[in-house]
Amino acid sequence: MAGKNVLDITDENFDQEVLKSKEPFLLDFSAVWCGPCKMLTPIVEKVADENTGKVRVGKLDIDDSPGVAQKFGIRGVPTVVVFKDGKEAGRHVGVTNKETLLKLLGV
């Protein structure tokens, strides 16, 4: 379950929520069985909480929504992808820190 400012993204709502977002969108591709994903979750939630209104943040479970993960060639989790104007604008694979995520977002 995502934090209060982190949207649950699925194959069904991806286009509407992510690609049509007016703000930069940080999407965390993860899985419930992934240890490093659990380490990244509080960092992603902090970015969401501290940048409400400037960016949008979501989490996608690759097992529940394999279509989007396959479309963007997600080979390992966690992978964070930033979308701007409906296009991929940045990517980071593996656990990282808040500063790296903010830099990817351009905030």
PDB file of N, CA and C in Angstrom:
ATOM      1  N   MET A   1       0.846  -1.200   0.000  1.00  0.00           N
ATOM      2  CA  MET A   1       0.000   0.000   0.000  1.00  0.00           C
ATOM      3  C   MET A   1       0.883   1.253   0.000  1.00  0.00           C
ATOM      4  N   ALA A   2       0.565   2.154  -0.854  1.00  0.00           N
ATOM      5  CA  ALA A   2       1.360   3.377  -0.992  1.00  0.00           C
ATOM      6  C   ALA A   2       1.001   4.386   0.104  1.00  0.00           C
ATOM      7  N   GLY A   3       1.912   5.343   0.325  1.00  0.00           N
ATOM      8  CA  GLY A   3       1.689   6.414   1.293  1.00  0.00           C
ATOM      9  C   GLY A   3       0.594   7.361   0.820  1.00  0.00           C
ATOM     10  N   LYS A   4       0.234   8.314   1.680  1.00  0.00           N
ATOM     11  CA  LYS A   4      -0.916   9.182   1.368  1.00  0.00           C
ATOM     12  C   LYS A   4      -0.708  10.047   0.125  1.00  0.00           C
ATOM     13  N   ASN A   5       0.520  10.402  -0.207  1.00  0.00           N
ATOM     14  CA  ASN A   5       0.779  11.208  -1.404  1.00  0.00           C
ATOM     15  C   ASN A   5       1.365  10.395  -2.554  1.00  0.00           C
ATOM     16  N   VAL A   6       1.327   9.059  -2.416  1.00  0.00           N
ATOM     17  CA  VAL A   6       1.848   8.167  -3.452  1.00  0.00           C
ATOM     18  C   VAL A   6       0.680   7.392  -4.052  1.00  0.00           C
ATOM     19  N   LEU A   7       0.475   7.568  -5.343  1.00  0.00           N
ATOM     20  CA  LEU A   7      -0.635   6.905  -6.028  1.00  0.00           C
ATOM     21  C   LEU A   7      -0.298   5.447  -6.318  1.00  0.00           C
ATOM     22  N   ASP A   8      -1.306   4.590  -6.263  1.00  0.00           N
ATOM     23  CA  ASP A   8      -1.144   3.207  -6.715  1.00  0.00           C
ATOM     24  C   ASP A   8      -1.378   3.216  -8.221  1.00  0.00           C
ATOM     25  N   ILE A   9      -0.338   2.883  -8.975  1.00  0.00           N
ATOM     26  CA  ILE A   9      -0.427   2.883 -10.439  1.00  0.00           C
ATOM     27  C   ILE A   9      -0.546   1.440 -10.922  1.00  0.00           C
ATOM     28  N   THR A  10      -1.434   1.235 -11.896  1.00  0.00           N
ATOM     29  CA  THR A  10      -1.661  -0.091 -12.465  1.00  0.00           C
ATOM     30  C   THR A  10      -1.603   0.009 -13.992  1.00  0.00           C
ATOM     31  N   ASP A  11      -1.641  -1.160 -14.644  1.00  0.00           N
ATOM     32  CA  ASP A  11      -1.723  -1.158 -16.108  1.00  0.00           C
ATOM     33  C   ASP A  11      -2.943  -0.366 -16.574  1.00  0.00           C
ATOM     34  N   GLU A  12      -4.024  -0.424 -15.790  1.00  0.00           N
ATOM     35  CA  GLU A  12      -5.282   0.218 -16.181  1.00  0.00           C
ATOM     36  C   GLU A  12      -5.240   1.744 -16.068  1.00  0.00           C
ATOM     37  N   ASN A  13      -4.591   2.286 -15.026  1.00  0.00           N
ATOM     38  CA  ASN A  13      -4.639   3.748 -14.848  1.00  0.00           C
ATOM     39  C   ASN A  13      -3.337   4.457 -15.242  1.00  0.00           C
ATOM     40  N   PHE A  14      -2.356   3.734 -15.751  1.00  0.00           N
ATOM     41  CA  PHE A  14      -1.048   4.306 -16.082  1.00  0.00           C
ATOM     42  C   PHE A  14      -1.151   5.487 -17.053  1.00  0.00           C
ATOM     43  N   ASP A  15      -1.816   5.295 -18.182  1.00  0.00           N
ATOM     44  CA  ASP A  15      -1.891   6.365 -19.189  1.00  0.00           C
ATOM     45  C   ASP A  15      -2.522   7.627 -18.610  1.00  0.00           C
ATOM     46  N   GLN A  16      -3.644   7.465 -17.904  1.00  0.00           N
ATOM     47  CA  GLN A  16      -4.375   8.613 -17.364  1.00  0.00           C
ATOM     48  C   GLN A  16      -3.573   9.327 -16.278  1.00  0.00           C
ATOM     49  N   GLU A  17      -3.013   8.576 -15.335  1.00  0.00           N
ATOM     50  CA  GLU A  17      -2.340   9.183 -14.187  1.00  0.00           C
ATOM     51  C   GLU A  17      -0.922   9.659 -14.500  1.00  0.00           C
ATOM     52  N   VAL A  18      -0.174   8.862 -15.262  1.00  0.00           N
ATOM     53  CA  VAL A  18       1.250   9.150 -15.472  1.00  0.00           C
ATOM     54  C   VAL A  18       1.483   9.928 -16.763  1.00  0.00           C
ATOM     55  N   LEU A  19       1.081   9.371 -17.882  1.00  0.00           N
ATOM     56  CA  LEU A  19       1.384   9.997 -19.170  1.00  0.00           C
ATOM     57  C   LEU A  19       0.651  11.324 -19.363  1.00  0.00           C
ATOM     58  N   LYS A  20      -0.522  11.479 -18.753  1.00  0.00           N
ATOM     59  CA  LYS A  20      -1.291  12.719 -18.917  1.00  0.00           C
ATOM     60  C   LYS A  20      -1.066  13.694 -17.763  1.00  0.00           C
ATOM     61  N   SER A  21      -0.133  13.401 -16.893  1.00  0.00           N
ATOM     62  CA  SER A  21       0.149  14.272 -15.748  1.00  0.00           C
ATOM     63  C   SER A  21       0.747  15.589 -16.224  1.00  0.00           C
ATOM     64  N   LYS A  22       0.253  16.692 -15.661  1.00  0.00           N
ATOM     65  CA  LYS A  22       0.800  18.013 -15.996  1.00  0.00           C
ATOM     66  C   LYS A  22       2.145  18.232 -15.291  1.00  0.00           C
ATOM     67  N   GLU A  23       2.303  17.629 -14.103  1.00  0.00           N
ATOM     68  CA  GLU A  23       3.548  17.752 -13.340  1.00  0.00           C
ATOM     69  C   GLU A  23       4.474  16.585 -13.672  1.00  0.00           C
ATOM     70  N   PRO A  24       5.776  16.754 -13.424  1.00  0.00           N
ATOM     71  CA  PRO A  24       6.683  15.611 -13.559  1.00  0.00           C
ATOM     72  C   PRO A  24       6.180  14.479 -12.670  1.00  0.00           C
ATOM     73  N   PHE A  25       6.298  13.249 -13.145  1.00  0.00           N
ATOM     74  CA  PHE A  25       5.777  12.086 -12.420  1.00  0.00           C
ATOM     75  C   PHE A  25       6.907  11.107 -12.153  1.00  0.00           C
ATOM     76  N   LEU A  26       7.121  10.797 -10.877  1.00  0.00           N
ATOM     77  CA  LEU A  26       8.124   9.812 -10.475  1.00  0.00           C
ATOM     78  C   LEU A  26       7.391   8.502 -10.212  1.00  0.00           C
ATOM     79  N   LEU A  27       7.727   7.471 -10.982  1.00  0.00           N
ATOM     80  CA  LEU A  27       7.077   6.171 -10.838  1.00  0.00           C
ATOM     81  C   LEU A  27       8.076   5.151 -10.321  1.00  0.00           C
ATOM     82  N   ASP A  28       7.748   4.578  -9.174  1.00  0.00           N
ATOM     83  CA  ASP A  28       8.579   3.573  -8.519  1.00  0.00           C
ATOM     84  C   ASP A  28       8.063   2.190  -8.908  1.00  0.00           C
ATOM     85  N   PHE A  29       8.832   1.483  -9.743  1.00  0.00           N
ATOM     86  CA  PHE A  29       8.499   0.101 -10.101  1.00  0.00           C
ATOM     87  C   PHE A  29       9.054  -0.792  -8.998  1.00  0.00           C
ATOM     88  N   SER A  30       8.192  -1.586  -8.364  1.00  0.00           N
ATOM     89  CA  SER A  30       8.647  -2.404  -7.252  1.00  0.00           C
ATOM     90  C   SER A  30       7.871  -3.715  -7.203  1.00  0.00           C
ATOM     91  N   ALA A  31       8.163  -4.518  -6.169  1.00  0.00           N
ATOM     92  CA  ALA A  31       7.464  -5.783  -5.943  1.00  0.00           C
ATOM     93  C   ALA A  31       7.452  -6.057  -4.444  1.00  0.00           C
ATOM     94  N   VAL A  32       6.402  -6.720  -3.961  1.00  0.00           N
ATOM     95  CA  VAL A  32       6.271  -6.963  -2.522  1.00  0.00           C
ATOM     96  C   VAL A  32       7.385  -7.845  -1.970  1.00  0.00           C
ATOM     97  N   TRP A  33       7.944  -8.719  -2.800  1.00  0.00           N
ATOM     98  CA  TRP A  33       8.993  -9.645  -2.346  1.00  0.00           C
ATOM     99  C   TRP A  33      10.394  -9.028  -2.387  1.00  0.00           C
ATOM    100  N   CYS A  34      10.506  -7.799  -2.826  1.00  0.00           N
ATOM    101  CA  CYS A  34      11.808  -7.156  -3.068  1.00  0.00           C
ATOM    102  C   CYS A  34      12.292  -6.391  -1.835  1.00  0.00           C
ATOM    103  N   GLY A  35      13.370  -6.860  -1.226  1.00  0.00           N
ATOM    104  CA  GLY A  35      13.949  -6.201  -0.054  1.00  0.00           C
ATOM    105  C   GLY A  35      14.407  -4.774  -0.321  1.00  0.00           C
ATOM    106  N   PRO A  36      15.214  -4.549  -1.371  1.00  0.00           N
ATOM    107  CA  PRO A  36      15.650  -3.178  -1.678  1.00  0.00           C
ATOM    108  C   PRO A  36      14.474  -2.231  -1.946  1.00  0.00           C
ATOM    109  N   CYS A  37      13.368  -2.758  -2.480  1.00  0.00           N
ATOM    110  CA  CYS A  37      12.183  -1.923  -2.721  1.00  0.00           C
ATOM    111  C   CYS A  37      11.642  -1.389  -1.400  1.00  0.00           C
ATOM    112  N   LYS A  38      11.650  -2.247  -0.387  1.00  0.00           N
ATOM    113  CA  LYS A  38      11.174  -1.829   0.943  1.00  0.00           C
ATOM    114  C   LYS A  38      12.067  -0.726   1.520  1.00  0.00           C
ATOM    115  N   MET A  39      13.360  -0.772   1.187  1.00  0.00           N
ATOM    116  CA  MET A  39      14.290   0.268   1.647  1.00  0.00           C
ATOM    117  C   MET A  39      14.024   1.600   0.933  1.00  0.00           C
ATOM    118  N   LEU A  40      13.614   1.522  -0.331  1.00  0.00           N
ATOM    119  CA  LEU A  40      13.384   2.734  -1.120  1.00  0.00           C
ATOM    120  C   LEU A  40      12.043   3.399  -0.809  1.00  0.00           C
ATOM    121  N   THR A  41      11.071   2.620  -0.369  1.00  0.00           N
ATOM    122  CA  THR A  41       9.712   3.143  -0.143  1.00  0.00           C
ATOM    123  C   THR A  41       9.661   4.395   0.723  1.00  0.00           C
ATOM    124  N   PRO A  42      10.296   4.436   1.916  1.00  0.00           N
ATOM    125  CA  PRO A  42      10.195   5.669   2.718  1.00  0.00           C
ATOM    126  C   PRO A  42      10.841   6.879   2.052  1.00  0.00           C
ATOM    127  N   ILE A  43      11.845   6.655   1.219  1.00  0.00           N
ATOM    128  CA  ILE A  43      12.510   7.753   0.505  1.00  0.00           C
ATOM    129  C   ILE A  43      11.550   8.320  -0.549  1.00  0.00           C
ATOM    130  N   VAL A  44      10.901   7.426  -1.295  1.00  0.00           N
ATOM    131  CA  VAL A  44       9.930   7.843  -2.311  1.00  0.00           C
ATOM    132  C   VAL A  44       8.768   8.580  -1.649  1.00  0.00           C
ATOM    133  N   GLU A  45       8.298   8.074  -0.507  1.00  0.00           N
ATOM    134  CA  GLU A  45       7.196   8.725   0.199  1.00  0.00           C
ATOM    135  C   GLU A  45       7.590  10.110   0.696  1.00  0.00           C
ATOM    136  N   LYS A  46       8.831  10.258   1.132  1.00  0.00           N
ATOM    137  CA  LYS A  46       9.312  11.562   1.606  1.00  0.00           C
ATOM    138  C   LYS A  46       9.346  12.571   0.446  1.00  0.00           C
ATOM    139  N   VAL A  47       9.817  12.136  -0.730  1.00  0.00           N
ATOM    140  CA  VAL A  47       9.820  12.997  -1.921  1.00  0.00           C
ATOM    141  C   VAL A  47       8.385  13.427  -2.236  1.00  0.00           C
ATOM    142  N   ALA A  48       7.447  12.487  -2.161  1.00  0.00           N
ATOM    143  CA  ALA A  48       6.041  12.796  -2.447  1.00  0.00           C
ATOM    144  C   ALA A  48       5.493  13.798  -1.436  1.00  0.00           C
ATOM    145  N   ASP A  49       5.755  13.552  -0.150  1.00  0.00           N
ATOM    146  CA  ASP A  49       5.214  14.408   0.905  1.00  0.00           C
ATOM    147  C   ASP A  49       5.786  15.824   0.854  1.00  0.00           C
ATOM    148  N   GLU A  50       7.073  15.938   0.536  1.00  0.00           N
ATOM    149  CA  GLU A  50       7.740  17.242   0.557  1.00  0.00           C
ATOM    150  C   GLU A  50       7.554  18.047  -0.727  1.00  0.00           C
ATOM    151  N   ASN A  51       7.016  17.430  -1.773  1.00  0.00           N
ATOM    152  CA  ASN A  51       6.899  18.118  -3.064  1.00  0.00           C
ATOM    153  C   ASN A  51       5.486  18.091  -3.626  1.00  0.00           C
ATOM    154  N   THR A  52       4.505  17.975  -2.738  1.00  0.00           N
ATOM    155  CA  THR A  52       3.106  17.967  -3.160  1.00  0.00           C
ATOM    156  C   THR A  52       2.797  19.245  -3.938  1.00  0.00           C
ATOM    157  N   GLY A  53       2.156  19.073  -5.096  1.00  0.00           N
ATOM    158  CA  GLY A  53       1.817  20.224  -5.923  1.00  0.00           C
ATOM    159  C   GLY A  53       2.872  20.532  -6.984  1.00  0.00           C
ATOM    160  N   LYS A  54       4.118  20.073  -6.750  1.00  0.00           N
ATOM    161  CA  LYS A  54       5.192  20.306  -7.732  1.00  0.00           C
ATOM    162  C   LYS A  54       5.415  19.072  -8.604  1.00  0.00           C
ATOM    163  N   VAL A  55       5.296  17.901  -7.973  1.00  0.00           N
ATOM    164  CA  VAL A  55       5.489  16.642  -8.686  1.00  0.00           C
ATOM    165  C   VAL A  55       4.403  15.669  -8.246  1.00  0.00           C
ATOM    166  N   ARG A  56       4.233  14.623  -9.036  1.00  0.00           N
ATOM    167  CA  ARG A  56       3.338  13.533  -8.651  1.00  0.00           C
ATOM    168  C   ARG A  56       4.195  12.284  -8.513  1.00  0.00           C
ATOM    169  N   VAL A  57       3.794  11.423  -7.597  1.00  0.00           N
ATOM    170  CA  VAL A  57       4.572  10.220  -7.311  1.00  0.00           C
ATOM    171  C   VAL A  57       3.635   9.025  -7.272  1.00  0.00           C
ATOM    172  N   GLY A  58       4.102   7.915  -7.850  1.00  0.00           N
ATOM    173  CA  GLY A  58       3.306   6.694  -7.841  1.00  0.00           C
ATOM    174  C   GLY A  58       4.173   5.470  -7.680  1.00  0.00           C
ATOM    175  N   LYS A  59       3.523   4.364  -7.348  1.00  0.00           N
ATOM    176  CA  LYS A  59       4.193   3.090  -7.150  1.00  0.00           C
ATOM    177  C   LYS A  59       3.451   2.055  -7.980  1.00  0.00           C
ATOM    178  N   LEU A  60       4.209   1.242  -8.709  1.00  0.00           N
ATOM    179  CA  LEU A  60       3.609   0.208  -9.539  1.00  0.00           C
ATOM    180  C   LEU A  60       4.224  -1.130  -9.173  1.00  0.00           C
ATOM    181  N   ASP A  61       3.381  -2.103  -8.851  1.00  0.00           N
ATOM    182  CA  ASP A  61       3.842  -3.453  -8.545  1.00  0.00           C
ATOM    183  C   ASP A  61       3.982  -4.216  -9.859  1.00  0.00           C
ATOM    184  N   ILE A  62       5.206  -4.652 -10.170  1.00  0.00           N
ATOM    185  CA  ILE A  62       5.469  -5.282 -11.469  1.00  0.00           C
ATOM    186  C   ILE A  62       4.765  -6.629 -11.617  1.00  0.00           C
ATOM    187  N   ASP A  63       4.425  -7.280 -10.508  1.00  0.00           N
ATOM    188  CA  ASP A  63       3.708  -8.555 -10.588  1.00  0.00           C
ATOM    189  C   ASP A  63       2.226  -8.346 -10.844  1.00  0.00           C
ATOM    190  N   ASP A  64       1.663  -7.279 -10.270  1.00  0.00           N
ATOM    191  CA  ASP A  64       0.243  -6.975 -10.470  1.00  0.00           C
ATOM    192  C   ASP A  64      -0.012  -6.290 -11.807  1.00  0.00           C
ATOM    193  N   SER A  65       0.969  -5.536 -12.307  1.00  0.00           N
ATOM    194  CA  SER A  65       0.820  -4.781 -13.555  1.00  0.00           C
ATOM    195  C   SER A  65       2.039  -4.989 -14.453  1.00  0.00           C
ATOM    196  N   PRO A  66       2.159  -6.191 -15.011  1.00  0.00           N
ATOM    197  CA  PRO A  66       3.342  -6.500 -15.825  1.00  0.00           C
ATOM    198  C   PRO A  66       3.392  -5.781 -17.169  1.00  0.00           C
ATOM    199  N   GLY A  67       2.256  -5.287 -17.654  1.00  0.00           N
ATOM    200  CA  GLY A  67       2.203  -4.644 -18.970  1.00  0.00           C
ATOM    201  C   GLY A  67       3.065  -3.400 -19.058  1.00  0.00           C
ATOM    202  N   VAL A  68       2.907  -2.485 -18.101  1.00  0.00           N
ATOM    203  CA  VAL A  68       3.676  -1.238 -18.097  1.00  0.00           C
ATOM    204  C   VAL A  68       5.153  -1.550 -17.877  1.00  0.00           C
ATOM    205  N   ALA A  69       5.444  -2.470 -16.947  1.00  0.00           N
ATOM    206  CA  ALA A  69       6.840  -2.841 -16.674  1.00  0.00           C
ATOM    207  C   ALA A  69       7.510  -3.384 -17.933  1.00  0.00           C
ATOM    208  N   GLN A  70       6.799  -4.215 -18.665  1.00  0.00           N
ATOM    209  CA  GLN A  70       7.351  -4.782 -19.905  1.00  0.00           C
ATOM    210  C   GLN A  70       7.530  -3.698 -20.965  1.00  0.00           C
ATOM    211  N   LYS A  71       6.553  -2.817 -21.078  1.00  0.00           N
ATOM    212  CA  LYS A  71       6.599  -1.742 -22.076  1.00  0.00           C
ATOM    213  C   LYS A  71       7.840  -0.863 -21.896  1.00  0.00           C
ATOM    214  N   PHE A  72       8.242  -0.640 -20.637  1.00  0.00           N
ATOM    215  CA  PHE A  72       9.392   0.225 -20.369  1.00  0.00           C
ATOM    216  C   PHE A  72      10.672  -0.553 -20.064  1.00  0.00           C
ATOM    217  N   GLY A  73      10.654  -1.857 -20.338  1.00  0.00           N
ATOM    218  CA  GLY A  73      11.866  -2.661 -20.220  1.00  0.00           C
ATOM    219  C   GLY A  73      12.420  -2.744 -18.808  1.00  0.00           C
ATOM    220  N   ILE A  74      11.530  -2.819 -17.818  1.00  0.00           N
ATOM    221  CA  ILE A  74      11.979  -2.921 -16.433  1.00  0.00           C
ATOM    222  C   ILE A  74      12.504  -4.335 -16.201  1.00  0.00           C
ATOM    223  N   ARG A  75      13.804  -4.446 -15.929  1.00  0.00           N
ATOM    224  CA  ARG A  75      14.451  -5.754 -15.773  1.00  0.00           C
ATOM    225  C   ARG A  75      14.735  -6.086 -14.314  1.00  0.00           C
ATOM    226  N   GLY A  76      14.848  -5.056 -13.481  1.00  0.00           N
ATOM    227  CA  GLY A  76      15.119  -5.274 -12.072  1.00  0.00           C
ATOM    228  C   GLY A  76      14.406  -4.231 -11.242  1.00  0.00           C
ATOM    229  N   VAL A  77      14.104  -4.584 -10.007  1.00  0.00           N
ATOM    230  CA  VAL A  77      13.454  -3.633  -9.109  1.00  0.00           C
ATOM    231  C   VAL A  77      14.304  -3.470  -7.860  1.00  0.00           C
ATOM    232  N   PRO A  78      14.283  -2.295  -7.240  1.00  0.00           N
ATOM    233  CA  PRO A  78      13.478  -1.146  -7.646  1.00  0.00           C
ATOM    234  C   PRO A  78      14.076  -0.402  -8.834  1.00  0.00           C
ATOM    235  N   THR A  79      13.203   0.081  -9.694  1.00  0.00           N
ATOM    236  CA  THR A  79      13.576   1.001 -10.767  1.00  0.00           C
ATOM    237  C   THR A  79      12.639   2.194 -10.668  1.00  0.00           C
ATOM    238  N   VAL A  80      13.214   3.378 -10.672  1.00  0.00           N
ATOM    239  CA  VAL A  80      12.420   4.608 -10.626  1.00  0.00           C
ATOM    240  C   VAL A  80      12.548   5.286 -11.986  1.00  0.00           C
ATOM    241  N   VAL A  81      11.405   5.634 -12.573  1.00  0.00           N
ATOM    242  CA  VAL A  81      11.393   6.307 -13.869  1.00  0.00           C
ATOM    243  C   VAL A  81      10.646   7.628 -13.704  1.00  0.00           C
ATOM    244  N   VAL A  82      11.226   8.692 -14.230  1.00  0.00           N
ATOM    245  CA  VAL A  82      10.582  10.004 -14.213  1.00  0.00           C
ATOM    246  C   VAL A  82       9.998  10.265 -15.593  1.00  0.00           C
ATOM    247  N   PHE A  83       8.744  10.676 -15.605  1.00  0.00           N
ATOM    248  CA  PHE A  83       8.057  11.029 -16.841  1.00  0.00           C
ATOM    249  C   PHE A  83       7.758  12.515 -16.832  1.00  0.00           C
ATOM    250  N   LYS A  84       8.036  13.163 -17.968  1.00  0.00           N
ATOM    251  CA  LYS A  84       7.679  14.576 -18.150  1.00  0.00           C
ATOM    252  C   LYS A  84       6.997  14.692 -19.507  1.00  0.00           C
ATOM    253  N   ASP A  85       5.858  15.362 -19.518  1.00  0.00           N
ATOM    254  CA  ASP A  85       5.089  15.538 -20.758  1.00  0.00           C
ATOM    255  C   ASP A  85       4.826  14.214 -21.457  1.00  0.00           C
ATOM    256  N   GLY A  86       4.550  13.167 -20.669  1.00  0.00           N
ATOM    257  CA  GLY A  86       4.187  11.872 -21.241  1.00  0.00           C
ATOM    258  C   GLY A  86       5.341  11.045 -21.763  1.00  0.00           C
ATOM    259  N   LYS A  87       6.562  11.487 -21.522  1.00  0.00           N
ATOM    260  CA  LYS A  87       7.733  10.748 -22.025  1.00  0.00           C
ATOM    261  C   LYS A  87       8.712  10.475 -20.884  1.00  0.00           C
ATOM    262  N   GLU A  88       9.456   9.379 -21.031  1.00  0.00           N
ATOM    263  CA  GLU A  88      10.473   9.068 -20.028  1.00  0.00           C
ATOM    264  C   GLU A  88      11.553  10.140 -20.068  1.00  0.00           C
ATOM    265  N   ALA A  89      11.880  10.697 -18.890  1.00  0.00           N
ATOM    266  CA  ALA A  89      12.867  11.779 -18.819  1.00  0.00           C
ATOM    267  C   ALA A  89      14.061  11.405 -17.949  1.00  0.00           C
ATOM    268  N   GLY A  90      13.999  10.267 -17.283  1.00  0.00           N
ATOM    269  CA  GLY A  90      15.096   9.858 -16.428  1.00  0.00           C
ATOM    270  C   GLY A  90      14.790   8.517 -15.795  1.00  0.00           C
ATOM    271  N   ARG A  91      15.859   7.831 -15.365  1.00  0.00           N
ATOM    272  CA  ARG A  91      15.691   6.500 -14.792  1.00  0.00           C
ATOM    273  C   ARG A  91      16.826   6.209 -13.828  1.00  0.00           C
ATOM    274  N   HIS A  92      16.496   5.498 -12.762  1.00  0.00           N
ATOM    275  CA  HIS A  92      17.520   5.027 -11.821  1.00  0.00           C
ATOM    276  C   HIS A  92      17.141   3.617 -11.385  1.00  0.00           C
ATOM    277  N   VAL A  93      18.119   2.709 -11.457  1.00  0.00           N
ATOM    278  CA  VAL A  93      17.896   1.328 -11.038  1.00  0.00           C
ATOM    279  C   VAL A  93      18.594   1.105  -9.706  1.00  0.00           C
ATOM    280  N   GLY A  94      17.864   0.532  -8.755  1.00  0.00           N
ATOM    281  CA  GLY A  94      18.437   0.225  -7.449  1.00  0.00           C
ATOM    282  C   GLY A  94      18.042   1.258  -6.403  1.00  0.00           C
ATOM    283  N   VAL A  95      18.420   0.954  -5.164  1.00  0.00           N
ATOM    284  CA  VAL A  95      18.125   1.867  -4.057  1.00  0.00           C
ATOM    285  C   VAL A  95      18.966   3.130  -4.236  1.00  0.00           C
ATOM    286  N   THR A  96      18.373   4.262  -3.897  1.00  0.00           N
ATOM    287  CA  THR A  96      19.078   5.528  -4.025  1.00  0.00           C
ATOM    288  C   THR A  96      18.643   6.450  -2.895  1.00  0.00           C
ATOM    289  N   ASN A  97      19.101   7.693  -2.950  1.00  0.00           N
ATOM    290  CA  ASN A  97      18.739   8.650  -1.901  1.00  0.00           C
ATOM    291  C   ASN A  97      17.775   9.702  -2.449  1.00  0.00           C
ATOM    292  N   LYS A  98      17.265  10.521  -1.546  1.00  0.00           N
ATOM    293  CA  LYS A  98      16.296  11.555  -1.909  1.00  0.00           C
ATOM    294  C   LYS A  98      16.903  12.544  -2.898  1.00  0.00           C
ATOM    295  N   GLU A  99      18.152  12.923  -2.697  1.00  0.00           N
ATOM    296  CA  GLU A  99      18.798  13.912  -3.576  1.00  0.00           C
ATOM    297  C   GLU A  99      18.815  13.432  -5.035  1.00  0.00           C
ATOM    298  N   THR A 100      19.121  12.157  -5.245  1.00  0.00           N
ATOM    299  CA  THR A 100      19.150  11.613  -6.607  1.00  0.00           C
ATOM    300  C   THR A 100      17.763  11.670  -7.234  1.00  0.00           C
ATOM    301  N   LEU A 101      16.747  11.326  -6.461  1.00  0.00           N
ATOM    302  CA  LEU A 101      15.374  11.362  -6.985  1.00  0.00           C
ATOM    303  C   LEU A 101      14.958  12.795  -7.336  1.00  0.00           C
ATOM    304  N   LEU A 102      15.308  13.745  -6.468  1.00  0.00           N
ATOM    305  CA  LEU A 102      14.975  15.155  -6.744  1.00  0.00           C
ATOM    306  C   LEU A 102      15.706  15.652  -7.984  1.00  0.00           C
ATOM    307  N   LYS A 103      16.954  15.224  -8.164  1.00  0.00           N
ATOM    308  CA  LYS A 103      17.715  15.624  -9.348  1.00  0.00           C
ATOM    309  C   LYS A 103      17.066  15.057 -10.609  1.00  0.00           C
ATOM    310  N   LEU A 104      16.619  13.792 -10.544  1.00  0.00           N
ATOM    311  CA  LEU A 104      15.933  13.179 -11.687  1.00  0.00           C
ATOM    312  C   LEU A 104      14.671  13.961 -12.036  1.00  0.00           C
ATOM    313  N   LEU A 105      13.970  14.414 -11.003  1.00  0.00           N
ATOM    314  CA  LEU A 105      12.743  15.170 -11.201  1.00  0.00           C
ATOM    315  C   LEU A 105      12.980  16.612 -11.652  1.00  0.00           C
ATOM    316  N   GLY A 106      14.182  17.093 -11.395  1.00  0.00           N
ATOM    317  CA  GLY A 106      14.492  18.483 -11.715  1.00  0.00           C
ATOM    318  C   GLY A 106      13.900  19.463 -10.720  1.00  0.00           C
ATOM    319  N   VAL A 107      13.781  19.026  -9.472  1.00  0.00           N
ATOM    320  CA  VAL A 107      13.220  19.902  -8.421  1.00  0.00           C
ATOM    321  C   VAL A 107      14.319  20.445  -7.541  1.00  0.00           C
TER     322      VAL A 107
END
